[in-house]
Amino acid sequence: MEFRYARHTQKIESIIKFYTSVLSFQIRGRFNDHDGYDGVFLGIEGENWHLEFTQNNEQPMSTFDEDDALVFYPKTQTSVDEILKNLSIFKVPILKTKNPYWNNKGYCFEDPDGFKIIISTEKIK
């Protein structure tokens, strides 16, 4: 089974820069003016998931709370270190989470839309 998380934004170019620069995701595809929407697919080659971000002239109506987050599980400490380096380069602050588990087992930060991302250190070998 493949997985796609789709979200509407009004900051598609900032989202692309953030996910490709900070998390080193690749652009897996793009579309323009498809029934009034522009969009991008971001992910990592060889994985069975990707993120889709769309934009049109409507404001997003997404709601989320402090416990909502995308959680990623890097396989190596080198991958975690690279993300931490990128967070520093792009001046993205690491945040405390409401759930104390993630303060001990990962790093939390926000994307340009304010959605939380957690990089878990739980499965590092």
PDB file of N, CA and C in Angstrom:
ATOM      1  N   MET A   1       0.836  -1.168   0.000  1.00  0.00           N
ATOM      2  CA  MET A   1       0.000   0.000   0.000  1.00  0.00           C
ATOM      3  C   MET A   1       0.888   1.241   0.000  1.00  0.00           C
ATOM      4  N   GLU A   2       0.524   2.188  -0.805  1.00  0.00           N
ATOM      5  CA  GLU A   2       1.209   3.468  -0.798  1.00  0.00           C
ATOM      6  C   GLU A   2       0.436   4.444   0.066  1.00  0.00           C
ATOM      7  N   PHE A   3       1.122   5.496   0.518  1.00  0.00           N
ATOM      8  CA  PHE A   3       0.504   6.501   1.363  1.00  0.00           C
ATOM      9  C   PHE A   3       0.837   7.878   0.820  1.00  0.00           C
ATOM     10  N   ARG A   4      -0.188   8.731   0.757  1.00  0.00           N
ATOM     11  CA  ARG A   4      -0.007  10.132   0.375  1.00  0.00           C
ATOM     12  C   ARG A   4      -0.728  10.982   1.399  1.00  0.00           C
ATOM     13  N   TYR A   5      -0.034  11.975   1.909  1.00  0.00           N
ATOM     14  CA  TYR A   5      -0.657  12.973   2.774  1.00  0.00           C
ATOM     15  C   TYR A   5      -0.806  14.228   1.931  1.00  0.00           C
ATOM     16  N   ALA A   6      -2.026  14.710   1.770  1.00  0.00           N
ATOM     17  CA  ALA A   6      -2.287  15.876   0.935  1.00  0.00           C
ATOM     18  C   ALA A   6      -2.764  17.035   1.811  1.00  0.00           C
ATOM     19  N   ARG A   7      -2.221  18.219   1.530  1.00  0.00           N
ATOM     20  CA  ARG A   7      -2.604  19.402   2.302  1.00  0.00           C
ATOM     21  C   ARG A   7      -2.589  20.631   1.416  1.00  0.00           C
ATOM     22  N   HIS A   8      -3.546  21.492   1.636  1.00  0.00           N
ATOM     23  CA  HIS A   8      -3.667  22.741   0.908  1.00  0.00           C
ATOM     24  C   HIS A   8      -2.818  23.812   1.586  1.00  0.00           C
ATOM     25  N   THR A   9      -2.225  24.687   0.808  1.00  0.00           N
ATOM     26  CA  THR A   9      -1.375  25.759   1.327  1.00  0.00           C
ATOM     27  C   THR A   9      -1.521  26.990   0.445  1.00  0.00           C
ATOM     28  N   GLN A  10      -1.109  28.105   0.944  1.00  0.00           N
ATOM     29  CA  GLN A  10      -0.954  29.311   0.127  1.00  0.00           C
ATOM     30  C   GLN A  10       0.514  29.700   0.053  1.00  0.00           C
ATOM     31  N   LYS A  11       1.389  28.784   0.475  1.00  0.00           N
ATOM     32  CA  LYS A  11       2.828  29.050   0.522  1.00  0.00           C
ATOM     33  C   LYS A  11       3.593  27.946  -0.196  1.00  0.00           C
ATOM     34  N   ILE A  12       3.154  27.540  -1.362  1.00  0.00           N
ATOM     35  CA  ILE A  12       3.714  26.346  -1.997  1.00  0.00           C
ATOM     36  C   ILE A  12       5.220  26.472  -2.262  1.00  0.00           C
ATOM     37  N   GLU A  13       5.687  27.627  -2.688  1.00  0.00           N
ATOM     38  CA  GLU A  13       7.122  27.764  -2.961  1.00  0.00           C
ATOM     39  C   GLU A  13       7.937  27.692  -1.664  1.00  0.00           C
ATOM     40  N   SER A  14       7.447  28.286  -0.591  1.00  0.00           N
ATOM     41  CA  SER A  14       8.121  28.180   0.710  1.00  0.00           C
ATOM     42  C   SER A  14       8.105  26.743   1.215  1.00  0.00           C
ATOM     43  N   ILE A  15       7.000  26.052   0.995  1.00  0.00           N
ATOM     44  CA  ILE A  15       6.880  24.645   1.399  1.00  0.00           C
ATOM     45  C   ILE A  15       7.900  23.798   0.634  1.00  0.00           C
ATOM     46  N   ILE A  16       8.000  24.013  -0.678  1.00  0.00           N
ATOM     47  CA  ILE A  16       8.962  23.253  -1.491  1.00  0.00           C
ATOM     48  C   ILE A  16      10.381  23.502  -0.981  1.00  0.00           C
ATOM     49  N   LYS A  17      10.740  24.767  -0.783  1.00  0.00           N
ATOM     50  CA  LYS A  17      12.088  25.085  -0.310  1.00  0.00           C
ATOM     51  C   LYS A  17      12.351  24.443   1.045  1.00  0.00           C
ATOM     52  N   PHE A  18      11.386  24.514   1.956  1.00  0.00           N
ATOM     53  CA  PHE A  18      11.550  23.954   3.290  1.00  0.00           C
ATOM     54  C   PHE A  18      11.784  22.449   3.244  1.00  0.00           C
ATOM     55  N   TYR A  19      10.894  21.715   2.592  1.00  0.00           N
ATOM     56  CA  TYR A  19      10.991  20.257   2.610  1.00  0.00           C
ATOM     57  C   TYR A  19      12.184  19.733   1.804  1.00  0.00           C
ATOM     58  N   THR A  20      12.563  20.440   0.743  1.00  0.00           N
ATOM     59  CA  THR A  20      13.726  19.980  -0.026  1.00  0.00           C
ATOM     60  C   THR A  20      15.041  20.401   0.639  1.00  0.00           C
ATOM     61  N   SER A  21      15.066  21.550   1.293  1.00  0.00           N
ATOM     62  CA  SER A  21      16.298  22.036   1.910  1.00  0.00           C
ATOM     63  C   SER A  21      16.519  21.466   3.308  1.00  0.00           C
ATOM     64  N   VAL A  22      15.505  21.491   4.128  1.00  0.00           N
ATOM     65  CA  VAL A  22      15.662  21.065   5.522  1.00  0.00           C
ATOM     66  C   VAL A  22      15.622  19.545   5.643  1.00  0.00           C
ATOM     67  N   LEU A  23      14.669  18.904   4.976  1.00  0.00           N
ATOM     68  CA  LEU A  23      14.505  17.455   5.105  1.00  0.00           C
ATOM     69  C   LEU A  23      15.102  16.672   3.936  1.00  0.00           C
ATOM     70  N   SER A  24      15.639  17.363   2.956  1.00  0.00           N
ATOM     71  CA  SER A  24      16.268  16.750   1.778  1.00  0.00           C
ATOM     72  C   SER A  24      15.303  15.870   0.983  1.00  0.00           C
ATOM     73  N   PHE A  25      14.003  16.205   1.005  1.00  0.00           N
ATOM     74  CA  PHE A  25      13.042  15.500   0.161  1.00  0.00           C
ATOM     75  C   PHE A  25      13.271  15.927  -1.285  1.00  0.00           C
ATOM     76  N   GLN A  26      12.851  15.074  -2.204  1.00  0.00           N
ATOM     77  CA  GLN A  26      12.936  15.402  -3.619  1.00  0.00           C
ATOM     78  C   GLN A  26      11.549  15.726  -4.156  1.00  0.00           C
ATOM     79  N   ILE A  27      11.540  16.539  -5.201  1.00  0.00           N
ATOM     80  CA  ILE A  27      10.285  16.782  -5.918  1.00  0.00           C
ATOM     81  C   ILE A  27      10.026  15.546  -6.759  1.00  0.00           C
ATOM     82  N   ARG A  28       8.931  14.861  -6.478  1.00  0.00           N
ATOM     83  CA  ARG A  28       8.589  13.609  -7.160  1.00  0.00           C
ATOM     84  C   ARG A  28       7.639  13.857  -8.329  1.00  0.00           C
ATOM     85  N   GLY A  29       7.078  15.057  -8.381  1.00  0.00           N
ATOM     86  CA  GLY A  29       6.183  15.435  -9.466  1.00  0.00           C
ATOM     87  C   GLY A  29       5.571  16.794  -9.179  1.00  0.00           C
ATOM     88  N   ARG A  30       5.041  17.405 -10.218  1.00  0.00           N
ATOM     89  CA  ARG A  30       4.394  18.719 -10.095  1.00  0.00           C
ATOM     90  C   ARG A  30       3.254  18.793 -11.093  1.00  0.00           C
ATOM     91  N   PHE A  31       2.319  19.670 -10.813  1.00  0.00           N
ATOM     92  CA  PHE A  31       1.278  19.984 -11.793  1.00  0.00           C
ATOM     93  C   PHE A  31       0.879  21.444 -11.645  1.00  0.00           C
ATOM     94  N   ASN A  32       0.446  22.023 -12.754  1.00  0.00           N
ATOM     95  CA  ASN A  32       0.012  23.416 -12.775  1.00  0.00           C
ATOM     96  C   ASN A  32      -1.359  23.513 -13.405  1.00  0.00           C
ATOM     97  N   ASP A  33      -2.203  24.300 -12.783  1.00  0.00           N
ATOM     98  CA  ASP A  33      -3.556  24.594 -13.262  1.00  0.00           C
ATOM     99  C   ASP A  33      -4.335  23.330 -13.623  1.00  0.00           C
ATOM    100  N   HIS A  34      -4.278  22.343 -12.761  1.00  0.00           N
ATOM    101  CA  HIS A  34      -5.095  21.139 -12.912  1.00  0.00           C
ATOM    102  C   HIS A  34      -6.419  21.406 -12.208  1.00  0.00           C
ATOM    103  N   ASP A  35      -7.441  21.711 -12.996  1.00  0.00           N
ATOM    104  CA  ASP A  35      -8.754  22.091 -12.443  1.00  0.00           C
ATOM    105  C   ASP A  35      -8.622  23.238 -11.447  1.00  0.00           C
ATOM    106  N   GLY A  36      -7.708  24.185 -11.743  1.00  0.00           N
ATOM    107  CA  GLY A  36      -7.533  25.360 -10.905  1.00  0.00           C
ATOM    108  C   GLY A  36      -6.521  25.210  -9.788  1.00  0.00           C
ATOM    109  N   TYR A  37      -5.883  24.059  -9.684  1.00  0.00           N
ATOM    110  CA  TYR A  37      -4.906  23.810  -8.623  1.00  0.00           C
ATOM    111  C   TYR A  37      -3.507  23.660  -9.206  1.00  0.00           C
ATOM    112  N   ASP A  38      -2.522  24.200  -8.469  1.00  0.00           N
ATOM    113  CA  ASP A  38      -1.120  23.886  -8.685  1.00  0.00           C
ATOM    114  C   ASP A  38      -0.725  22.939  -7.565  1.00  0.00           C
ATOM    115  N   GLY A  39       0.247  22.075  -7.821  1.00  0.00           N
ATOM    116  CA  GLY A  39       0.631  21.148  -6.766  1.00  0.00           C
ATOM    117  C   GLY A  39       2.014  20.571  -6.948  1.00  0.00           C
ATOM    118  N   VAL A  40       2.485  19.964  -5.881  1.00  0.00           N
ATOM    119  CA  VAL A  40       3.794  19.330  -5.880  1.00  0.00           C
ATOM    120  C   VAL A  40       3.726  18.078  -5.018  1.00  0.00           C
ATOM    121  N   PHE A  41       4.480  17.062  -5.419  1.00  0.00           N
ATOM    122  CA  PHE A  41       4.636  15.827  -4.646  1.00  0.00           C
ATOM    123  C   PHE A  41       6.074  15.798  -4.144  1.00  0.00           C
ATOM    124  N   LEU A  42       6.238  15.644  -2.840  1.00  0.00           N
ATOM    125  CA  LEU A  42       7.563  15.636  -2.223  1.00  0.00           C
ATOM    126  C   LEU A  42       7.764  14.338  -1.464  1.00  0.00           C
ATOM    127  N   GLY A  43       8.952  13.773  -1.574  1.00  0.00           N
ATOM    128  CA  GLY A  43       9.226  12.535  -0.859  1.00  0.00           C
ATOM    129  C   GLY A  43      10.659  12.109  -1.037  1.00  0.00           C
ATOM    130  N   ILE A  44      10.886  10.836  -0.774  1.00  0.00           N
ATOM    131  CA  ILE A  44      12.213  10.252  -0.890  1.00  0.00           C
ATOM    132  C   ILE A  44      12.120   9.067  -1.837  1.00  0.00           C
ATOM    133  N   GLU A  45      12.986   9.042  -2.823  1.00  0.00           N
ATOM    134  CA  GLU A  45      12.978   7.961  -3.803  1.00  0.00           C
ATOM    135  C   GLU A  45      13.082   6.609  -3.114  1.00  0.00           C
ATOM    136  N   GLY A  46      12.258   5.673  -3.570  1.00  0.00           N
ATOM    137  CA  GLY A  46      12.278   4.318  -3.038  1.00  0.00           C
ATOM    138  C   GLY A  46      11.342   4.097  -1.864  1.00  0.00           C
ATOM    139  N   GLU A  47      10.778   5.160  -1.313  1.00  0.00           N
ATOM    140  CA  GLU A  47       9.819   5.031  -0.213  1.00  0.00           C
ATOM    141  C   GLU A  47       8.406   4.885  -0.790  1.00  0.00           C
ATOM    142  N   ASN A  48       7.491   4.349   0.006  1.00  0.00           N
ATOM    143  CA  ASN A  48       6.131   4.132  -0.495  1.00  0.00           C
ATOM    144  C   ASN A  48       5.161   5.194   0.006  1.00  0.00           C
ATOM    145  N   TRP A  49       5.644   6.384   0.254  1.00  0.00           N
ATOM    146  CA  TRP A  49       4.822   7.492   0.701  1.00  0.00           C
ATOM    147  C   TRP A  49       5.323   8.771   0.045  1.00  0.00           C
ATOM    148  N   HIS A  50       4.480   9.781   0.041  1.00  0.00           N
ATOM    149  CA  HIS A  50       4.903  11.122  -0.339  1.00  0.00           C
ATOM    150  C   HIS A  50       3.898  12.134   0.198  1.00  0.00           C
ATOM    151  N   LEU A  51       4.307  13.373   0.225  1.00  0.00           N
ATOM    152  CA  LEU A  51       3.456  14.474   0.629  1.00  0.00           C
ATOM    153  C   LEU A  51       3.020  15.220  -0.616  1.00  0.00           C
ATOM    154  N   GLU A  52       1.771  15.627  -0.639  1.00  0.00           N
ATOM    155  CA  GLU A  52       1.253  16.445  -1.741  1.00  0.00           C
ATOM    156  C   GLU A  52       0.793  17.772  -1.163  1.00  0.00           C
ATOM    157  N   PHE A  53       1.241  18.847  -1.763  1.00  0.00           N
ATOM    158  CA  PHE A  53       0.790  20.177  -1.368  1.00  0.00           C
ATOM    159  C   PHE A  53       0.133  20.823  -2.578  1.00  0.00           C
ATOM    160  N   THR A  54      -1.046  21.383  -2.359  1.00  0.00           N
ATOM    161  CA  THR A  54      -1.774  22.042  -3.438  1.00  0.00           C
ATOM    162  C   THR A  54      -2.019  23.494  -3.072  1.00  0.00           C
ATOM    163  N   GLN A  55      -2.201  24.286  -4.129  1.00  0.00           N
ATOM    164  CA  GLN A  55      -2.475  25.705  -3.938  1.00  0.00           C
ATOM    165  C   GLN A  55      -3.440  26.162  -5.018  1.00  0.00           C
ATOM    166  N   ASN A  56      -4.401  26.973  -4.630  1.00  0.00           N
ATOM    167  CA  ASN A  56      -5.260  27.676  -5.580  1.00  0.00           C
ATOM    168  C   ASN A  56      -5.588  29.026  -4.962  1.00  0.00           C
ATOM    169  N   ASN A  57      -6.649  29.663  -5.417  1.00  0.00           N
ATOM    170  CA  ASN A  57      -6.948  31.002  -4.905  1.00  0.00           C
ATOM    171  C   ASN A  57      -7.771  30.979  -3.618  1.00  0.00           C
ATOM    172  N   GLU A  58      -8.042  29.810  -3.060  1.00  0.00           N
ATOM    173  CA  GLU A  58      -8.796  29.704  -1.814  1.00  0.00           C
ATOM    174  C   GLU A  58      -7.844  29.563  -0.624  1.00  0.00           C
ATOM    175  N   GLN A  59      -8.204  30.206   0.471  1.00  0.00           N
ATOM    176  CA  GLN A  59      -7.407  30.085   1.692  1.00  0.00           C
ATOM    177  C   GLN A  59      -7.606  28.694   2.301  1.00  0.00           C
ATOM    178  N   PRO A  60      -6.537  28.074   2.809  1.00  0.00           N
ATOM    179  CA  PRO A  60      -6.675  26.781   3.483  1.00  0.00           C
ATOM    180  C   PRO A  60      -7.546  26.929   4.735  1.00  0.00           C
ATOM    181  N   MET A  61      -8.294  25.879   5.018  1.00  0.00           N
ATOM    182  CA  MET A  61      -9.142  25.870   6.210  1.00  0.00           C
ATOM    183  C   MET A  61      -8.680  24.789   7.184  1.00  0.00           C
ATOM    184  N   SER A  62      -7.423  24.383   7.093  1.00  0.00           N
ATOM    185  CA  SER A  62      -6.887  23.317   7.940  1.00  0.00           C
ATOM    186  C   SER A  62      -6.852  23.767   9.393  1.00  0.00           C
ATOM    187  N   THR A  63      -7.181  22.837  10.267  1.00  0.00           N
ATOM    188  CA  THR A  63      -7.047  23.093  11.697  1.00  0.00           C
ATOM    189  C   THR A  63      -6.231  21.957  12.307  1.00  0.00           C
ATOM    190  N   PHE A  64      -5.468  22.264  13.315  1.00  0.00           N
ATOM    191  CA  PHE A  64      -4.642  21.275  13.973  1.00  0.00           C
ATOM    192  C   PHE A  64      -4.416  21.742  15.398  1.00  0.00           C
ATOM    193  N   ASP A  65      -3.967  20.830  16.241  1.00  0.00           N
ATOM    194  CA  ASP A  65      -3.672  21.204  17.618  1.00  0.00           C
ATOM    195  C   ASP A  65      -2.249  20.775  17.975  1.00  0.00           C
ATOM    196  N   GLU A  66      -1.876  20.941  19.217  1.00  0.00           N
ATOM    197  CA  GLU A  66      -0.504  20.693  19.655  1.00  0.00           C
ATOM    198  C   GLU A  66      -0.077  19.233  19.569  1.00  0.00           C
ATOM    199  N   ASP A  67      -1.016  18.325  19.463  1.00  0.00           N
ATOM    200  CA  ASP A  67      -0.679  16.901  19.372  1.00  0.00           C
ATOM    201  C   ASP A  67      -0.631  16.392  17.926  1.00  0.00           C
ATOM    202  N   ASP A  68      -0.939  17.231  16.953  1.00  0.00           N
ATOM    203  CA  ASP A  68      -0.902  16.829  15.542  1.00  0.00           C
ATOM    204  C   ASP A  68       0.490  17.054  14.984  1.00  0.00           C
ATOM    205  N   ALA A  69       1.052  16.022  14.358  1.00  0.00           N
ATOM    206  CA  ALA A  69       2.396  16.154  13.793  1.00  0.00           C
ATOM    207  C   ALA A  69       2.630  15.061  12.759  1.00  0.00           C
ATOM    208  N   LEU A  70       3.460  15.364  11.776  1.00  0.00           N
ATOM    209  CA  LEU A  70       4.017  14.343  10.906  1.00  0.00           C
ATOM    210  C   LEU A  70       5.274  13.837  11.604  1.00  0.00           C
ATOM    211  N   VAL A  71       5.398  12.527  11.753  1.00  0.00           N
ATOM    212  CA  VAL A  71       6.556  11.948  12.435  1.00  0.00           C
ATOM    213  C   VAL A  71       7.346  11.122  11.431  1.00  0.00           C
ATOM    214  N   PHE A  72       8.620  11.435  11.314  1.00  0.00           N
ATOM    215  CA  PHE A  72       9.506  10.710  10.417  1.00  0.00           C
ATOM    216  C   PHE A  72      10.551   9.976  11.250  1.00  0.00           C
ATOM    217  N   TYR A  73      10.937   8.787  10.784  1.00  0.00           N
ATOM    218  CA  TYR A  73      11.871   7.912  11.488  1.00  0.00           C
ATOM    219  C   TYR A  73      13.127   7.680  10.639  1.00  0.00           C
ATOM    220  N   PRO A  74      14.114   8.572  10.721  1.00  0.00           N
ATOM    221  CA  PRO A  74      15.361   8.321   9.991  1.00  0.00           C
ATOM    222  C   PRO A  74      15.992   7.011  10.450  1.00  0.00           C
ATOM    223  N   LYS A  75      16.715   6.384   9.532  1.00  0.00           N
ATOM    224  CA  LYS A  75      17.307   5.077   9.828  1.00  0.00           C
ATOM    225  C   LYS A  75      18.701   5.174  10.442  1.00  0.00           C
ATOM    226  N   THR A  76      19.352   6.337  10.296  1.00  0.00           N
ATOM    227  CA  THR A  76      20.726   6.468  10.802  1.00  0.00           C
ATOM    228  C   THR A  76      20.898   7.773  11.574  1.00  0.00           C
ATOM    229  N   GLN A  77      21.874   7.788  12.457  1.00  0.00           N
ATOM    230  CA  GLN A  77      22.205   9.012  13.182  1.00  0.00           C
ATOM    231  C   GLN A  77      22.737  10.063  12.220  1.00  0.00           C
ATOM    232  N   THR A  78      23.415   9.624  11.171  1.00  0.00           N
ATOM    233  CA  THR A  78      23.905  10.566  10.159  1.00  0.00           C
ATOM    234  C   THR A  78      22.757  11.345   9.536  1.00  0.00           C
ATOM    235  N   SER A  79      21.653  10.675   9.251  1.00  0.00           N
ATOM    236  CA  SER A  79      20.477  11.349   8.692  1.00  0.00           C
ATOM    237  C   SER A  79      19.919  12.375   9.677  1.00  0.00           C
ATOM    238  N   VAL A  80      19.837  12.007  10.937  1.00  0.00           N
ATOM    239  CA  VAL A  80      19.348  12.935  11.967  1.00  0.00           C
ATOM    240  C   VAL A  80      20.290  14.138  12.049  1.00  0.00           C
ATOM    241  N   ASP A  81      21.593  13.893  12.072  1.00  0.00           N
ATOM    242  CA  ASP A  81      22.572  14.976  12.163  1.00  0.00           C
ATOM    243  C   ASP A  81      22.460  15.927  10.974  1.00  0.00           C
ATOM    244  N   GLU A  82      22.208  15.385   9.788  1.00  0.00           N
ATOM    245  CA  GLU A  82      22.052  16.228   8.590  1.00  0.00           C
ATOM    246  C   GLU A  82      20.824  17.129   8.725  1.00  0.00           C
ATOM    247  N   ILE A  83      19.726  16.586   9.209  1.00  0.00           N
ATOM    248  CA  ILE A  83      18.514  17.393   9.413  1.00  0.00           C
ATOM    249  C   ILE A  83      18.777  18.473  10.457  1.00  0.00           C
ATOM    250  N   LEU A  84      19.424  18.121  11.561  1.00  0.00           N
ATOM    251  CA  LEU A  84      19.735  19.114  12.600  1.00  0.00           C
ATOM    252  C   LEU A  84      20.632  20.225  12.051  1.00  0.00           C
ATOM    253  N   LYS A  85      21.591  19.849  11.214  1.00  0.00           N
ATOM    254  CA  LYS A  85      22.460  20.851  10.583  1.00  0.00           C
ATOM    255  C   LYS A  85      21.627  21.786   9.700  1.00  0.00           C
ATOM    256  N   ASN A  86      20.712  21.204   8.908  1.00  0.00           N
ATOM    257  CA  ASN A  86      19.862  22.018   8.030  1.00  0.00           C
ATOM    258  C   ASN A  86      18.938  22.930   8.832  1.00  0.00           C
ATOM    259  N   LEU A  87      18.402  22.430   9.953  1.00  0.00           N
ATOM    260  CA  LEU A  87      17.566  23.278  10.810  1.00  0.00           C
ATOM    261  C   LEU A  87      18.358  24.494  11.275  1.00  0.00           C
ATOM    262  N   SER A  88      19.605  24.280  11.629  1.00  0.00           N
ATOM    263  CA  SER A  88      20.455  25.379  12.070  1.00  0.00           C
ATOM    264  C   SER A  88      20.749  26.352  10.929  1.00  0.00           C
ATOM    265  N   ILE A  89      21.112  25.822   9.778  1.00  0.00           N
ATOM    266  CA  ILE A  89      21.425  26.667   8.616  1.00  0.00           C
ATOM    267  C   ILE A  89      20.243  27.555   8.254  1.00  0.00           C
ATOM    268  N   PHE A  90      19.034  26.979   8.253  1.00  0.00           N
ATOM    269  CA  PHE A  90      17.841  27.720   7.836  1.00  0.00           C
ATOM    270  C   PHE A  90      17.120  28.383   9.009  1.00  0.00           C
ATOM    271  N   LYS A  91      17.786  28.362  10.188  1.00  0.00           N
ATOM    272  CA  LYS A  91      17.271  29.038  11.380  1.00  0.00           C
ATOM    273  C   LYS A  91      15.850  28.615  11.733  1.00  0.00           C
ATOM    274  N   VAL A  92      15.616  27.306  11.679  1.00  0.00           N
ATOM    275  CA  VAL A  92      14.324  26.734  12.074  1.00  0.00           C
ATOM    276  C   VAL A  92      14.467  26.271  13.521  1.00  0.00           C
ATOM    277  N   PRO A  93      13.716  26.872  14.435  1.00  0.00           N
ATOM    278  CA  PRO A  93      13.884  26.511  15.842  1.00  0.00           C
ATOM    279  C   PRO A  93      13.316  25.131  16.176  1.00  0.00           C
ATOM    280  N   ILE A  94      13.998  24.450  17.086  1.00  0.00           N
ATOM    281  CA  ILE A  94      13.484  23.200  17.642  1.00  0.00           C
ATOM    282  C   ILE A  94      12.558  23.578  18.786  1.00  0.00           C
ATOM    283  N   LEU A  95      11.392  22.947  18.813  1.00  0.00           N
ATOM    284  CA  LEU A  95      10.346  23.296  19.766  1.00  0.00           C
ATOM    285  C   LEU A  95      10.144  22.206  20.808  1.00  0.00           C
ATOM    286  N   LYS A  96       9.628  22.587  21.961  1.00  0.00           N
ATOM    287  CA  LYS A  96       9.155  21.625  22.954  1.00  0.00           C
ATOM    288  C   LYS A  96       7.781  21.151  22.504  1.00  0.00           C
ATOM    289  N   THR A  97       7.509  19.871  22.729  1.00  0.00           N
ATOM    290  CA  THR A  97       6.197  19.327  22.362  1.00  0.00           C
ATOM    291  C   THR A  97       5.302  19.231  23.591  1.00  0.00           C
ATOM    292  N   LYS A  98       4.012  19.239  23.353  1.00  0.00           N
ATOM    293  CA  LYS A  98       3.056  19.037  24.436  1.00  0.00           C
ATOM    294  C   LYS A  98       3.224  17.642  25.023  1.00  0.00           C
ATOM    295  N   ASN A  99       3.425  16.655  24.158  1.00  0.00           N
ATOM    296  CA  ASN A  99       3.626  15.273  24.590  1.00  0.00           C
ATOM    297  C   ASN A  99       5.097  15.101  24.969  1.00  0.00           C
ATOM    298  N   PRO A 100       5.400  14.893  26.251  1.00  0.00           N
ATOM    299  CA  PRO A 100       6.799  14.821  26.681  1.00  0.00           C
ATOM    300  C   PRO A 100       7.595  13.686  26.046  1.00  0.00           C
ATOM    301  N   TYR A 101       6.926  12.664  25.537  1.00  0.00           N
ATOM    302  CA  TYR A 101       7.622  11.550  24.900  1.00  0.00           C
ATOM    303  C   TYR A 101       8.541  12.060  23.784  1.00  0.00           C
ATOM    304  N   TRP A 102       8.012  12.971  22.954  1.00  0.00           N
ATOM    305  CA  TRP A 102       8.783  13.433  21.799  1.00  0.00           C
ATOM    306  C   TRP A 102       9.915  14.364  22.194  1.00  0.00           C
ATOM    307  N   ASN A 103       9.856  14.971  23.370  1.00  0.00           N
ATOM    308  CA  ASN A 103      10.981  15.796  23.831  1.00  0.00           C
ATOM    309  C   ASN A 103      12.186  14.934  24.167  1.00  0.00           C
ATOM    310  N   ASN A 104      11.951  13.664  24.481  1.00  0.00           N
ATOM    311  CA  ASN A 104      13.029  12.730  24.811  1.00  0.00           C
ATOM    312  C   ASN A 104      13.420  11.832  23.642  1.00  0.00           C
ATOM    313  N   LYS A 105      12.539  11.675  22.664  1.00  0.00           N
ATOM    314  CA  LYS A 105      12.760  10.714  21.575  1.00  0.00           C
ATOM    315  C   LYS A 105      12.772  11.359  20.197  1.00  0.00           C
ATOM    316  N   GLY A 106      12.970  12.661  20.142  1.00  0.00           N
ATOM    317  CA  GLY A 106      12.988  13.284  18.832  1.00  0.00           C
ATOM    318  C   GLY A 106      13.179  14.783  18.891  1.00  0.00           C
ATOM    319  N   TYR A 107      12.999  15.393  17.741  1.00  0.00           N
ATOM    320  CA  TYR A 107      13.129  16.833  17.575  1.00  0.00           C
ATOM    321  C   TYR A 107      11.885  17.337  16.856  1.00  0.00           C
ATOM    322  N   CYS A 108      11.291  18.394  17.383  1.00  0.00           N
ATOM    323  CA  CYS A 108      10.068  18.954  16.809  1.00  0.00           C
ATOM    324  C   CYS A 108      10.352  20.345  16.249  1.00  0.00           C
ATOM    325  N   PHE A 109       9.753  20.645  15.108  1.00  0.00           N
ATOM    326  CA  PHE A 109       9.844  21.959  14.495  1.00  0.00           C
ATOM    327  C   PHE A 109       8.626  22.149  13.615  1.00  0.00           C
ATOM    328  N   GLU A 110       8.441  23.339  13.063  1.00  0.00           N
ATOM    329  CA  GLU A 110       7.267  23.640  12.240  1.00  0.00           C
ATOM    330  C   GLU A 110       7.669  23.949  10.809  1.00  0.00           C
ATOM    331  N   ASP A 111       6.775  23.574   9.877  1.00  0.00           N
ATOM    332  CA  ASP A 111       6.967  23.943   8.474  1.00  0.00           C
ATOM    333  C   ASP A 111       6.432  25.362   8.271  1.00  0.00           C
ATOM    334  N   PRO A 112       6.555  25.936   7.073  1.00  0.00           N
ATOM    335  CA  PRO A 112       6.129  27.324   6.855  1.00  0.00           C
ATOM    336  C   PRO A 112       4.647  27.603   7.138  1.00  0.00           C
ATOM    337  N   ASP A 113       3.802  26.571   7.137  1.00  0.00           N
ATOM    338  CA  ASP A 113       2.391  26.755   7.470  1.00  0.00           C
ATOM    339  C   ASP A 113       2.116  26.601   8.960  1.00  0.00           C
ATOM    340  N   GLY A 114       3.143  26.277   9.749  1.00  0.00           N
ATOM    341  CA  GLY A 114       2.968  26.109  11.183  1.00  0.00           C
ATOM    342  C   GLY A 114       2.590  24.698  11.603  1.00  0.00           C
ATOM    343  N   PHE A 115       2.661  23.733  10.668  1.00  0.00           N
ATOM    344  CA  PHE A 115       2.376  22.346  11.001  1.00  0.00           C
ATOM    345  C   PHE A 115       3.618  21.712  11.610  1.00  0.00           C
ATOM    346  N   LYS A 116       3.420  20.925  12.640  1.00  0.00           N
ATOM    347  CA  LYS A 116       4.537  20.320  13.362  1.00  0.00           C
ATOM    348  C   LYS A 116       5.082  19.084  12.632  1.00  0.00           C
ATOM    349  N   ILE A 117       6.403  18.968  12.704  1.00  0.00           N
ATOM    350  CA  ILE A 117       7.126  17.814  12.183  1.00  0.00           C
ATOM    351  C   ILE A 117       8.005  17.310  13.314  1.00  0.00           C
ATOM    352  N   ILE A 118       8.037  16.007  13.481  1.00  0.00           N
ATOM    353  CA  ILE A 118       8.909  15.399  14.477  1.00  0.00           C
ATOM    354  C   ILE A 118       9.858  14.451  13.767  1.00  0.00           C
ATOM    355  N   ILE A 119      11.135  14.601  14.071  1.00  0.00           N
ATOM    356  CA  ILE A 119      12.145  13.664  13.614  1.00  0.00           C
ATOM    357  C   ILE A 119      12.434  12.765  14.807  1.00  0.00           C
ATOM    358  N   SER A 120      12.024  11.515  14.713  1.00  0.00           N
ATOM    359  CA  SER A 120      12.182  10.577  15.805  1.00  0.00           C
ATOM    360  C   SER A 120      13.588   9.997  15.823  1.00  0.00           C
ATOM    361  N   THR A 121      14.106   9.818  17.020  1.00  0.00           N
ATOM    362  CA  THR A 121      15.393   9.142  17.189  1.00  0.00           C
ATOM    363  C   THR A 121      15.197   7.744  17.766  1.00  0.00           C
ATOM    364  N   GLU A 122      13.969   7.327  17.862  1.00  0.00           N
ATOM    365  CA  GLU A 122      13.608   6.082  18.527  1.00  0.00           C
ATOM    366  C   GLU A 122      14.122   4.821  17.821  1.00  0.00           C
ATOM    367  N   LYS A 123      14.237   4.834  16.496  1.00  0.00           N
ATOM    368  CA  LYS A 123      14.618   3.626  15.764  1.00  0.00           C
ATOM    369  C   LYS A 123      16.029   3.673  15.196  1.00  0.00           C
ATOM    370  N   ILE A 124      16.847   4.597  15.684  1.00  0.00           N
ATOM    371  CA  ILE A 124      18.232   4.726  15.213  1.00  0.00           C
ATOM    372  C   ILE A 124      19.024   3.535  15.727  1.00  0.00           C
ATOM    373  N   LYS A 125      19.798   2.946  14.837  1.00  0.00           N
ATOM    374  CA  LYS A 125      20.631   1.802  15.232  1.00  0.00           C
ATOM    375  C   LYS A 125      22.040   2.226  15.510  1.00  0.00           C
TER     376      LYS A 125
END
